[in-house]
């Protein structure tokens, strides 16, 4: 079964430049923890891991956008690839996931 961390890594294309570190994925996951269906908070011993992965993915894409914000040149020269589009694409992905926030996923 796919773990929440594995799913978040896929949702953020974490290892594609501008990449996210494994520790950043852990932080995003922790920040997206929600009260479970039994009413237990994330720090409670009986908590069933429940996350707003869309909120975490949105935040991850914003981090990637921040890293890409200074990219404005053609890379590699003559390729027709404008690295400023990386920033635009990261922002677009953040908006997509932000629109889906609060659709929680519970993992047992």
PDB file of N, CA and C in Angstrom:
ATOM      1  N   UNK A   1       0.841  -1.186   0.000  1.00  0.00           N
ATOM      2  CA  UNK A   1       0.000   0.000   0.000  1.00  0.00           C
ATOM      3  C   UNK A   1       0.888   1.252   0.000  1.00  0.00           C
ATOM      4  N   UNK A   2       0.490   2.216  -0.783  1.00  0.00           N
ATOM      5  CA  UNK A   2       1.232   3.471  -0.879  1.00  0.00           C
ATOM      6  C   UNK A   2       1.069   4.288   0.401  1.00  0.00           C
ATOM      7  N   UNK A   3       2.167   4.768   0.939  1.00  0.00           N
ATOM      8  CA  UNK A   3       2.110   5.574   2.159  1.00  0.00           C
ATOM      9  C   UNK A   3       1.750   7.014   1.801  1.00  0.00           C
ATOM     10  N   UNK A   4       1.291   7.795   2.806  1.00  0.00           N
ATOM     11  CA  UNK A   4       1.009   9.206   2.546  1.00  0.00           C
ATOM     12  C   UNK A   4       2.254   9.938   2.024  1.00  0.00           C
ATOM     13  N   UNK A   5       3.408   9.592   2.549  1.00  0.00           N
ATOM     14  CA  UNK A   5       4.646  10.230   2.107  1.00  0.00           C
ATOM     15  C   UNK A   5       4.931   9.913   0.643  1.00  0.00           C
ATOM     16  N   UNK A   6       4.742   8.653   0.259  1.00  0.00           N
ATOM     17  CA  UNK A   6       4.948   8.262  -1.137  1.00  0.00           C
ATOM     18  C   UNK A   6       3.995   9.019  -2.063  1.00  0.00           C
ATOM     19  N   UNK A   7       2.752   9.132  -1.643  1.00  0.00           N
ATOM     20  CA  UNK A   7       1.750   9.838  -2.443  1.00  0.00           C
ATOM     21  C   UNK A   7       2.114  11.317  -2.579  1.00  0.00           C
ATOM     22  N   UNK A   8       2.535  11.942  -1.479  1.00  0.00           N
ATOM     23  CA  UNK A   8       2.917  13.350  -1.519  1.00  0.00           C
ATOM     24  C   UNK A   8       4.134  13.559  -2.417  1.00  0.00           C
ATOM     25  N   UNK A   9       5.064  12.639  -2.380  1.00  0.00           N
ATOM     26  CA  UNK A   9       6.227  12.738  -3.266  1.00  0.00           C
ATOM     27  C   UNK A   9       5.790  12.741  -4.725  1.00  0.00           C
ATOM     28  N   UNK A  10       4.844  11.881  -5.072  1.00  0.00           N
ATOM     29  CA  UNK A  10       4.330  11.846  -6.443  1.00  0.00           C
ATOM     30  C   UNK A  10       3.597  13.142  -6.788  1.00  0.00           C
ATOM     31  N   UNK A  11       2.783  13.622  -5.853  1.00  0.00           N
ATOM     32  CA  UNK A  11       1.981  14.822  -6.101  1.00  0.00           C
ATOM     33  C   UNK A  11       2.846  16.055  -6.325  1.00  0.00           C
ATOM     34  N   UNK A  12       4.021  16.087  -5.740  1.00  0.00           N
ATOM     35  CA  UNK A  12       4.903  17.251  -5.847  1.00  0.00           C
ATOM     36  C   UNK A  12       6.055  17.053  -6.823  1.00  0.00           C
ATOM     37  N   UNK A  13       6.128  15.899  -7.460  1.00  0.00           N
ATOM     38  CA  UNK A  13       7.283  15.599  -8.319  1.00  0.00           C
ATOM     39  C   UNK A  13       8.542  16.017  -7.572  1.00  0.00           C
ATOM     40  N   UNK A  14       8.652  15.525  -6.364  1.00  0.00           N
ATOM     41  CA  UNK A  14       9.638  15.991  -5.390  1.00  0.00           C
ATOM     42  C   UNK A  14      11.080  15.926  -5.862  1.00  0.00           C
ATOM     43  N   UNK A  15      11.409  14.967  -6.712  1.00  0.00           N
ATOM     44  CA  UNK A  15      12.797  14.800  -7.125  1.00  0.00           C
ATOM     45  C   UNK A  15      13.112  15.460  -8.469  1.00  0.00           C
ATOM     46  N   UNK A  16      12.147  16.198  -9.001  1.00  0.00           N
ATOM     47  CA  UNK A  16      12.334  16.924 -10.253  1.00  0.00           C
ATOM     48  C   UNK A  16      12.676  18.372  -9.915  1.00  0.00           C
ATOM     49  N   UNK A  17      13.695  18.907 -10.578  1.00  0.00           N
ATOM     50  CA  UNK A  17      14.144  20.279 -10.291  1.00  0.00           C
ATOM     51  C   UNK A  17      13.033  21.297 -10.560  1.00  0.00           C
ATOM     52  N   UNK A  18      12.903  22.247  -9.667  1.00  0.00           N
ATOM     53  CA  UNK A  18      13.603  22.413  -8.404  1.00  0.00           C
ATOM     54  C   UNK A  18      13.081  21.394  -7.388  1.00  0.00           C
ATOM     55  N   UNK A  19      13.977  20.572  -6.908  1.00  0.00           N
ATOM     56  CA  UNK A  19      13.612  19.425  -6.074  1.00  0.00           C
ATOM     57  C   UNK A  19      13.332  19.824  -4.630  1.00  0.00           C
ATOM     58  N   UNK A  20      12.560  18.966  -3.980  1.00  0.00           N
ATOM     59  CA  UNK A  20      12.316  19.075  -2.547  1.00  0.00           C
ATOM     60  C   UNK A  20      13.151  18.020  -1.838  1.00  0.00           C
ATOM     61  N   UNK A  21      13.643  18.338  -0.675  1.00  0.00           N
ATOM     62  CA  UNK A  21      14.409  17.372   0.119  1.00  0.00           C
ATOM     63  C   UNK A  21      13.444  16.426   0.828  1.00  0.00           C
ATOM     64  N   UNK A  22      13.934  15.255   1.155  1.00  0.00           N
ATOM     65  CA  UNK A  22      13.125  14.272   1.874  1.00  0.00           C
ATOM     66  C   UNK A  22      12.607  14.867   3.190  1.00  0.00           C
ATOM     67  N   UNK A  23      13.440  15.623   3.879  1.00  0.00           N
ATOM     68  CA  UNK A  23      13.025  16.254   5.144  1.00  0.00           C
ATOM     69  C   UNK A  23      11.910  17.273   4.914  1.00  0.00           C
ATOM     70  N   UNK A  24      11.924  17.944   3.772  1.00  0.00           N
ATOM     71  CA  UNK A  24      10.850  18.897   3.463  1.00  0.00           C
ATOM     72  C   UNK A  24       9.534  18.181   3.231  1.00  0.00           C
ATOM     73  N   UNK A  25       9.595  17.021   2.607  1.00  0.00           N
ATOM     74  CA  UNK A  25       8.384  16.217   2.425  1.00  0.00           C
ATOM     75  C   UNK A  25       7.822  15.833   3.790  1.00  0.00           C
ATOM     76  N   UNK A  26       8.693  15.435   4.712  1.00  0.00           N
ATOM     77  CA  UNK A  26       8.254  15.097   6.069  1.00  0.00           C
ATOM     78  C   UNK A  26       7.594  16.292   6.750  1.00  0.00           C
ATOM     79  N   UNK A  27       8.174  17.482   6.602  1.00  0.00           N
ATOM     80  CA  UNK A  27       7.607  18.691   7.204  1.00  0.00           C
ATOM     81  C   UNK A  27       6.245  19.026   6.604  1.00  0.00           C
ATOM     82  N   UNK A  28       6.129  18.925   5.289  1.00  0.00           N
ATOM     83  CA  UNK A  28       4.860  19.199   4.627  1.00  0.00           C
ATOM     84  C   UNK A  28       3.786  18.232   5.101  1.00  0.00           C
ATOM     85  N   UNK A  29       4.156  16.978   5.252  1.00  0.00           N
ATOM     86  CA  UNK A  29       3.217  15.974   5.718  1.00  0.00           C
ATOM     87  C   UNK A  29       2.776  16.274   7.148  1.00  0.00           C
ATOM     88  N   UNK A  30       3.713  16.603   8.012  1.00  0.00           N
ATOM     89  CA  UNK A  30       3.391  16.922   9.405  1.00  0.00           C
ATOM     90  C   UNK A  30       2.471  18.139   9.488  1.00  0.00           C
ATOM     91  N   UNK A  31       2.724  19.142   8.663  1.00  0.00           N
ATOM     92  CA  UNK A  31       1.903  20.352   8.676  1.00  0.00           C
ATOM     93  C   UNK A  31       0.496  20.109   8.153  1.00  0.00           C
ATOM     94  N   UNK A  32       0.309  19.046   7.399  1.00  0.00           N
ATOM     95  CA  UNK A  32      -1.006  18.774   6.820  1.00  0.00           C
ATOM     96  C   UNK A  32      -1.810  17.757   7.632  1.00  0.00           C
ATOM     97  N   UNK A  33      -1.293  17.342   8.784  1.00  0.00           N
ATOM     98  CA  UNK A  33      -1.991  16.362   9.622  1.00  0.00           C
ATOM     99  C   UNK A  33      -3.304  16.959  10.136  1.00  0.00           C
ATOM    100  N   UNK A  34      -4.350  16.144  10.106  1.00  0.00           N
ATOM    101  CA  UNK A  34      -5.685  16.569  10.527  1.00  0.00           C
ATOM    102  C   UNK A  34      -6.219  15.676  11.643  1.00  0.00           C
ATOM    103  N   UNK A  35      -7.219  16.165  12.323  1.00  0.00           N
ATOM    104  CA  UNK A  35      -7.941  15.346  13.283  1.00  0.00           C
ATOM    105  C   UNK A  35      -8.561  14.172  12.519  1.00  0.00           C
ATOM    106  N   UNK A  36      -8.509  12.985  13.094  1.00  0.00           N
ATOM    107  CA  UNK A  36      -9.055  11.825  12.388  1.00  0.00           C
ATOM    108  C   UNK A  36     -10.566  11.728  12.568  1.00  0.00           C
ATOM    109  N   UNK A  37     -11.176  10.749  11.960  1.00  0.00           N
ATOM    110  CA  UNK A  37     -12.637  10.601  11.985  1.00  0.00           C
ATOM    111  C   UNK A  37     -13.177  10.285  13.378  1.00  0.00           C
ATOM    112  N   UNK A  38     -12.322   9.843  14.283  1.00  0.00           N
ATOM    113  CA  UNK A  38     -12.739   9.577  15.664  1.00  0.00           C
ATOM    114  C   UNK A  38     -12.569  10.803  16.550  1.00  0.00           C
ATOM    115  N   UNK A  39     -12.063  11.879  15.979  1.00  0.00           N
ATOM    116  CA  UNK A  39     -11.872  13.110  16.738  1.00  0.00           C
ATOM    117  C   UNK A  39     -10.533  13.217  17.435  1.00  0.00           C
ATOM    118  N   UNK A  40      -9.617  12.315  17.128  1.00  0.00           N
ATOM    119  CA  UNK A  40      -8.300  12.358  17.755  1.00  0.00           C
ATOM    120  C   UNK A  40      -7.373  13.302  16.985  1.00  0.00           C
ATOM    121  N   UNK A  41      -6.657  14.143  17.724  1.00  0.00           N
ATOM    122  CA  UNK A  41      -5.678  15.065  17.147  1.00  0.00           C
ATOM    123  C   UNK A  41      -4.409  14.293  16.790  1.00  0.00           C
ATOM    124  N   UNK A  42      -3.607  14.854  15.882  1.00  0.00           N
ATOM    125  CA  UNK A  42      -2.398  14.143  15.432  1.00  0.00           C
ATOM    126  C   UNK A  42      -1.442  13.695  16.539  1.00  0.00           C
ATOM    127  N   UNK A  43      -1.390  14.371  17.661  1.00  0.00           N
ATOM    128  CA  UNK A  43      -0.465  13.966  18.729  1.00  0.00           C
ATOM    129  C   UNK A  43      -1.054  12.927  19.683  1.00  0.00           C
ATOM    130  N   UNK A  44      -2.328  12.607  19.519  1.00  0.00           N
ATOM    131  CA  UNK A  44      -2.972  11.614  20.395  1.00  0.00           C
ATOM    132  C   UNK A  44      -2.488  10.211  20.038  1.00  0.00           C
ATOM    133  N   UNK A  45      -2.299   9.379  21.046  1.00  0.00           N
ATOM    134  CA  UNK A  45      -1.788   8.021  20.852  1.00  0.00           C
ATOM    135  C   UNK A  45      -2.694   7.171  19.957  1.00  0.00           C
ATOM    136  N   UNK A  46      -4.003   7.437  19.942  1.00  0.00           N
ATOM    137  CA  UNK A  46      -4.947   6.652  19.146  1.00  0.00           C
ATOM    138  C   UNK A  46      -5.257   7.271  17.780  1.00  0.00           C
ATOM    139  N   UNK A  47      -4.514   8.309  17.417  1.00  0.00           N
ATOM    140  CA  UNK A  47      -4.759   8.999  16.144  1.00  0.00           C
ATOM    141  C   UNK A  47      -4.507   8.082  14.961  1.00  0.00           C
ATOM    142  N   UNK A  48      -5.441   8.068  14.033  1.00  0.00           N
ATOM    143  CA  UNK A  48      -5.262   7.379  12.766  1.00  0.00           C
ATOM    144  C   UNK A  48      -4.700   8.406  11.788  1.00  0.00           C
ATOM    145  N   UNK A  49      -3.524   8.179  11.229  1.00  0.00           N
ATOM    146  CA  UNK A  49      -2.929   9.171  10.332  1.00  0.00           C
ATOM    147  C   UNK A  49      -3.913   9.650   9.267  1.00  0.00           C
ATOM    148  N   UNK A  50      -4.178  10.940   9.296  1.00  0.00           N
ATOM    149  CA  UNK A  50      -5.119  11.588   8.392  1.00  0.00           C
ATOM    150  C   UNK A  50      -4.489  12.899   7.941  1.00  0.00           C
ATOM    151  N   UNK A  51      -4.464  13.124   6.637  1.00  0.00           N
ATOM    152  CA  UNK A  51      -3.758  14.283   6.098  1.00  0.00           C
ATOM    153  C   UNK A  51      -4.573  14.991   5.027  1.00  0.00           C
ATOM    154  N   UNK A  52      -4.347  16.276   4.911  1.00  0.00           N
ATOM    155  CA  UNK A  52      -4.846  17.039   3.776  1.00  0.00           C
ATOM    156  C   UNK A  52      -3.670  17.084   2.794  1.00  0.00           C
ATOM    157  N   UNK A  53      -3.556  16.043   1.987  1.00  0.00           N
ATOM    158  CA  UNK A  53      -2.427  15.937   1.070  1.00  0.00           C
ATOM    159  C   UNK A  53      -2.465  17.016   0.000  1.00  0.00           C
ATOM    160  N   UNK A  54      -3.654  17.504  -0.338  1.00  0.00           N
ATOM    161  CA  UNK A  54      -3.743  18.576  -1.326  1.00  0.00           C
ATOM    162  C   UNK A  54      -3.128  19.866  -0.781  1.00  0.00           C
ATOM    163  N   UNK A  55      -3.368  20.154   0.491  1.00  0.00           N
ATOM    164  CA  UNK A  55      -2.752  21.341   1.109  1.00  0.00           C
ATOM    165  C   UNK A  55      -1.238  21.175   1.153  1.00  0.00           C
ATOM    166  N   UNK A  56      -0.777  19.980   1.488  1.00  0.00           N
ATOM    167  CA  UNK A  56       0.657  19.717   1.536  1.00  0.00           C
ATOM    168  C   UNK A  56       1.283  19.853   0.156  1.00  0.00           C
ATOM    169  N   UNK A  57       0.613  19.326  -0.863  1.00  0.00           N
ATOM    170  CA  UNK A  57       1.131  19.418  -2.228  1.00  0.00           C
ATOM    171  C   UNK A  57       1.161  20.867  -2.699  1.00  0.00           C
ATOM    172  N   UNK A  58       0.128  21.629  -2.383  1.00  0.00           N
ATOM    173  CA  UNK A  58       0.098  23.042  -2.748  1.00  0.00           C
ATOM    174  C   UNK A  58       1.291  23.775  -2.136  1.00  0.00           C
ATOM    175  N   UNK A  59       1.547  23.527  -0.860  1.00  0.00           N
ATOM    176  CA  UNK A  59       2.690  24.155  -0.184  1.00  0.00           C
ATOM    177  C   UNK A  59       4.006  23.709  -0.804  1.00  0.00           C
ATOM    178  N   UNK A  60       4.098  22.450  -1.153  1.00  0.00           N
ATOM    179  CA  UNK A  60       5.305  21.938  -1.793  1.00  0.00           C
ATOM    180  C   UNK A  60       5.569  22.614  -3.128  1.00  0.00           C
ATOM    181  N   UNK A  61       4.521  22.791  -3.916  1.00  0.00           N
ATOM    182  CA  UNK A  61       4.691  23.462  -5.203  1.00  0.00           C
ATOM    183  C   UNK A  61       5.055  24.934  -5.018  1.00  0.00           C
ATOM    184  N   UNK A  62       4.571  25.563  -3.949  1.00  0.00           N
ATOM    185  CA  UNK A  62       4.967  26.953  -3.686  1.00  0.00           C
ATOM    186  C   UNK A  62       6.444  27.043  -3.320  1.00  0.00           C
ATOM    187  N   UNK A  63       6.938  26.065  -2.580  1.00  0.00           N
ATOM    188  CA  UNK A  63       8.371  26.029  -2.272  1.00  0.00           C
ATOM    189  C   UNK A  63       9.169  25.914  -3.572  1.00  0.00           C
ATOM    190  N   UNK A  64       8.717  25.006  -4.443  1.00  0.00           N
ATOM    191  CA  UNK A  64       9.400  24.826  -5.720  1.00  0.00           C
ATOM    192  C   UNK A  64       9.331  26.109  -6.555  1.00  0.00           C
ATOM    193  N   UNK A  65       8.203  26.797  -6.520  1.00  0.00           N
ATOM    194  CA  UNK A  65       8.064  28.055  -7.257  1.00  0.00           C
ATOM    195  C   UNK A  65       9.040  29.094  -6.730  1.00  0.00           C
ATOM    196  N   UNK A  66       9.178  29.156  -5.409  1.00  0.00           N
ATOM    197  CA  UNK A  66      10.131  30.093  -4.817  1.00  0.00           C
ATOM    198  C   UNK A  66      11.540  29.840  -5.298  1.00  0.00           C
ATOM    199  N   UNK A  67      11.903  28.593  -5.410  1.00  0.00           N
ATOM    200  CA  UNK A  67      13.241  28.242  -5.877  1.00  0.00           C
ATOM    201  C   UNK A  67      13.424  28.560  -7.359  1.00  0.00           C
ATOM    202  N   UNK A  68      12.326  28.486  -8.106  1.00  0.00           N
ATOM    203  CA  UNK A  68      12.400  28.733  -9.548  1.00  0.00           C
ATOM    204  C   UNK A  68      12.207  30.204  -9.901  1.00  0.00           C
ATOM    205  N   UNK A  69      11.886  31.026  -8.937  1.00  0.00           N
ATOM    206  CA  UNK A  69      11.511  32.416  -9.225  1.00  0.00           C
ATOM    207  C   UNK A  69      12.611  33.229  -9.886  1.00  0.00           C
ATOM    208  N   UNK A  70      13.840  32.870  -9.678  1.00  0.00           N
ATOM    209  CA  UNK A  70      14.943  33.632 -10.269  1.00  0.00           C
ATOM    210  C   UNK A  70      15.347  33.119 -11.646  1.00  0.00           C
ATOM    211  N   UNK A  71      14.731  32.049 -12.092  1.00  0.00           N
ATOM    212  CA  UNK A  71      15.105  31.459 -13.378  1.00  0.00           C
ATOM    213  C   UNK A  71      14.403  32.187 -14.525  1.00  0.00           C
ATOM    214  N   UNK A  72      15.186  32.858 -15.357  1.00  0.00           N
ATOM    215  CA  UNK A  72      14.595  33.610 -16.464  1.00  0.00           C
ATOM    216  C   UNK A  72      15.340  33.413 -17.783  1.00  0.00           C
ATOM    217  N   UNK A  73      16.404  32.675 -17.765  1.00  0.00           N
ATOM    218  CA  UNK A  73      17.210  32.513 -18.962  1.00  0.00           C
ATOM    219  C   UNK A  73      16.855  31.234 -19.706  1.00  0.00           C
ATOM    220  N   UNK A  74      17.339  31.163 -20.914  1.00  0.00           N
ATOM    221  CA  UNK A  74      17.166  29.956 -21.704  1.00  0.00           C
ATOM    222  C   UNK A  74      18.157  28.917 -21.199  1.00  0.00           C
ATOM    223  N   UNK A  75      17.671  27.692 -20.983  1.00  0.00           N
ATOM    224  CA  UNK A  75      18.535  26.649 -20.435  1.00  0.00           C
ATOM    225  C   UNK A  75      18.252  25.324 -21.129  1.00  0.00           C
ATOM    226  N   UNK A  76      19.145  24.754 -21.853  1.00  0.00           N
ATOM    227  CA  UNK A  76      20.436  25.295 -22.284  1.00  0.00           C
ATOM    228  C   UNK A  76      20.243  26.312 -23.401  1.00  0.00           C
ATOM    229  N   UNK A  77      21.205  27.197 -23.582  1.00  0.00           N
ATOM    230  CA  UNK A  77      21.081  28.231 -24.615  1.00  0.00           C
ATOM    231  C   UNK A  77      20.752  27.625 -25.979  1.00  0.00           C
ATOM    232  N   UNK A  78      19.799  28.241 -26.653  1.00  0.00           N
ATOM    233  CA  UNK A  78      19.396  27.771 -27.977  1.00  0.00           C
ATOM    234  C   UNK A  78      18.372  26.656 -27.968  1.00  0.00           C
ATOM    235  N   UNK A  79      17.991  26.171 -26.794  1.00  0.00           N
ATOM    236  CA  UNK A  79      17.057  25.044 -26.728  1.00  0.00           C
ATOM    237  C   UNK A  79      15.606  25.460 -26.905  1.00  0.00           C
ATOM    238  N   UNK A  80      15.336  26.755 -26.726  1.00  0.00           N
ATOM    239  CA  UNK A  80      13.946  27.206 -26.784  1.00  0.00           C
ATOM    240  C   UNK A  80      13.203  26.962 -25.488  1.00  0.00           C
ATOM    241  N   UNK A  81      13.897  26.443 -24.496  1.00  0.00           N
ATOM    242  CA  UNK A  81      13.306  26.162 -23.184  1.00  0.00           C
ATOM    243  C   UNK A  81      13.570  27.352 -22.266  1.00  0.00           C
ATOM    244  N   UNK A  82      12.518  28.015 -21.838  1.00  0.00           N
ATOM    245  CA  UNK A  82      12.677  29.157 -20.946  1.00  0.00           C
ATOM    246  C   UNK A  82      12.432  28.704 -19.514  1.00  0.00           C
ATOM    247  N   UNK A  83      13.455  28.845 -18.679  1.00  0.00           N
ATOM    248  CA  UNK A  83      13.338  28.355 -17.304  1.00  0.00           C
ATOM    249  C   UNK A  83      12.331  29.151 -16.495  1.00  0.00           C
ATOM    250  N   UNK A  84      11.958  30.361 -16.942  1.00  0.00           N
ATOM    251  CA  UNK A  84      10.927  31.116 -16.222  1.00  0.00           C
ATOM    252  C   UNK A  84       9.594  30.376 -16.275  1.00  0.00           C
ATOM    253  N   UNK A  85       9.425  29.507 -17.262  1.00  0.00           N
ATOM    254  CA  UNK A  85       8.197  28.712 -17.350  1.00  0.00           C
ATOM    255  C   UNK A  85       8.114  27.708 -16.188  1.00  0.00           C
ATOM    256  N   UNK A  86       9.251  27.330 -15.638  1.00  0.00           N
ATOM    257  CA  UNK A  86       9.249  26.431 -14.480  1.00  0.00           C
ATOM    258  C   UNK A  86       8.500  27.106 -13.334  1.00  0.00           C
ATOM    259  N   UNK A  87       8.782  28.381 -13.095  1.00  0.00           N
ATOM    260  CA  UNK A  87       8.083  29.147 -12.061  1.00  0.00           C
ATOM    261  C   UNK A  87       6.587  29.155 -12.342  1.00  0.00           C
ATOM    262  N   UNK A  88       6.210  29.474 -13.564  1.00  0.00           N
ATOM    263  CA  UNK A  88       4.787  29.515 -13.935  1.00  0.00           C
ATOM    264  C   UNK A  88       4.118  28.155 -13.721  1.00  0.00           C
ATOM    265  N   UNK A  89       4.808  27.100 -14.109  1.00  0.00           N
ATOM    266  CA  UNK A  89       4.241  25.757 -13.956  1.00  0.00           C
ATOM    267  C   UNK A  89       4.094  25.369 -12.480  1.00  0.00           C
ATOM    268  N   UNK A  90       5.073  25.720 -11.665  1.00  0.00           N
ATOM    269  CA  UNK A  90       4.993  25.422 -10.229  1.00  0.00           C
ATOM    270  C   UNK A  90       3.804  26.161  -9.600  1.00  0.00           C
ATOM    271  N   UNK A  91       3.615  27.416  -9.973  1.00  0.00           N
ATOM    272  CA  UNK A  91       2.490  28.204  -9.447  1.00  0.00           C
ATOM    273  C   UNK A  91       1.164  27.603  -9.907  1.00  0.00           C
ATOM    274  N   UNK A  92       1.109  27.144 -11.135  1.00  0.00           N
ATOM    275  CA  UNK A  92      -0.118  26.527 -11.642  1.00  0.00           C
ATOM    276  C   UNK A  92      -0.442  25.257 -10.856  1.00  0.00           C
ATOM    277  N   UNK A  93       0.565  24.442 -10.579  1.00  0.00           N
ATOM    278  CA  UNK A  93       0.343  23.223  -9.797  1.00  0.00           C
ATOM    279  C   UNK A  93      -0.106  23.563  -8.377  1.00  0.00           C
ATOM    280  N   UNK A  94       0.469  24.595  -7.795  1.00  0.00           N
ATOM    281  CA  UNK A  94       0.056  25.015  -6.447  1.00  0.00           C
ATOM    282  C   UNK A  94      -1.416  25.411  -6.453  1.00  0.00           C
ATOM    283  N   UNK A  95      -1.847  26.123  -7.483  1.00  0.00           N
ATOM    284  CA  UNK A  95      -3.259  26.532  -7.571  1.00  0.00           C
ATOM    285  C   UNK A  95      -4.183  25.326  -7.716  1.00  0.00           C
ATOM    286  N   UNK A  96      -3.779  24.371  -8.506  1.00  0.00           N
ATOM    287  CA  UNK A  96      -4.600  23.164  -8.708  1.00  0.00           C
ATOM    288  C   UNK A  96      -4.825  22.451  -7.380  1.00  0.00           C
ATOM    289  N   UNK A  97      -3.742  22.226  -6.635  1.00  0.00           N
ATOM    290  CA  UNK A  97      -3.870  21.521  -5.363  1.00  0.00           C
ATOM    291  C   UNK A  97      -4.552  22.379  -4.300  1.00  0.00           C
ATOM    292  N   UNK A  98      -4.348  23.671  -4.349  1.00  0.00           N
ATOM    293  CA  UNK A  98      -4.993  24.563  -3.385  1.00  0.00           C
ATOM    294  C   UNK A  98      -6.513  24.513  -3.543  1.00  0.00           C
ATOM    295  N   UNK A  99      -6.983  24.387  -4.762  1.00  0.00           N
ATOM    296  CA  UNK A  99      -8.418  24.316  -5.025  1.00  0.00           C
ATOM    297  C   UNK A  99      -9.040  23.036  -4.462  1.00  0.00           C
ATOM    298  N   UNK A 100      -8.225  22.033  -4.186  1.00  0.00           N
ATOM    299  CA  UNK A 100      -8.712  20.747  -3.688  1.00  0.00           C
ATOM    300  C   UNK A 100      -8.509  20.576  -2.188  1.00  0.00           C
ATOM    301  N   UNK A 101      -8.039  21.610  -1.494  1.00  0.00           N
ATOM    302  CA  UNK A 101      -7.769  21.491  -0.057  1.00  0.00           C
ATOM    303  C   UNK A 101      -8.990  20.993   0.700  1.00  0.00           C
ATOM    304  N   UNK A 102      -8.715  20.350   1.799  1.00  0.00           N
ATOM    305  CA  UNK A 102      -9.707  19.825   2.735  1.00  0.00           C
ATOM    306  C   UNK A 102     -10.350  18.528   2.295  1.00  0.00           C
ATOM    307  N   UNK A 103      -9.858  17.955   1.222  1.00  0.00           N
ATOM    308  CA  UNK A 103     -10.255  16.598   0.891  1.00  0.00           C
ATOM    309  C   UNK A 103      -9.254  15.707   1.583  1.00  0.00           C
ATOM    310  N   UNK A 104      -9.573  15.256   2.787  1.00  0.00           N
ATOM    311  CA  UNK A 104      -8.615  14.523   3.589  1.00  0.00           C
ATOM    312  C   UNK A 104      -8.523  13.058   3.172  1.00  0.00           C
ATOM    313  N   UNK A 105      -7.382  12.496   3.471  1.00  0.00           N
ATOM    314  CA  UNK A 105      -7.130  11.090   3.191  1.00  0.00           C
ATOM    315  C   UNK A 105      -6.707  10.446   4.495  1.00  0.00           C
ATOM    316  N   UNK A 106      -7.393   9.381   4.878  1.00  0.00           N
ATOM    317  CA  UNK A 106      -7.076   8.669   6.104  1.00  0.00           C
ATOM    318  C   UNK A 106      -6.357   7.380   5.755  1.00  0.00           C
ATOM    319  N   UNK A 107      -5.289   7.083   6.480  1.00  0.00           N
ATOM    320  CA  UNK A 107      -4.512   5.870   6.234  1.00  0.00           C
ATOM    321  C   UNK A 107      -4.536   5.003   7.481  1.00  0.00           C
ATOM    322  N   UNK A 108      -4.907   3.756   7.335  1.00  0.00           N
ATOM    323  CA  UNK A 108      -4.953   2.839   8.476  1.00  0.00           C
ATOM    324  C   UNK A 108      -3.931   1.770   8.317  1.00  0.00           C
TER     325      UNK A 108
END
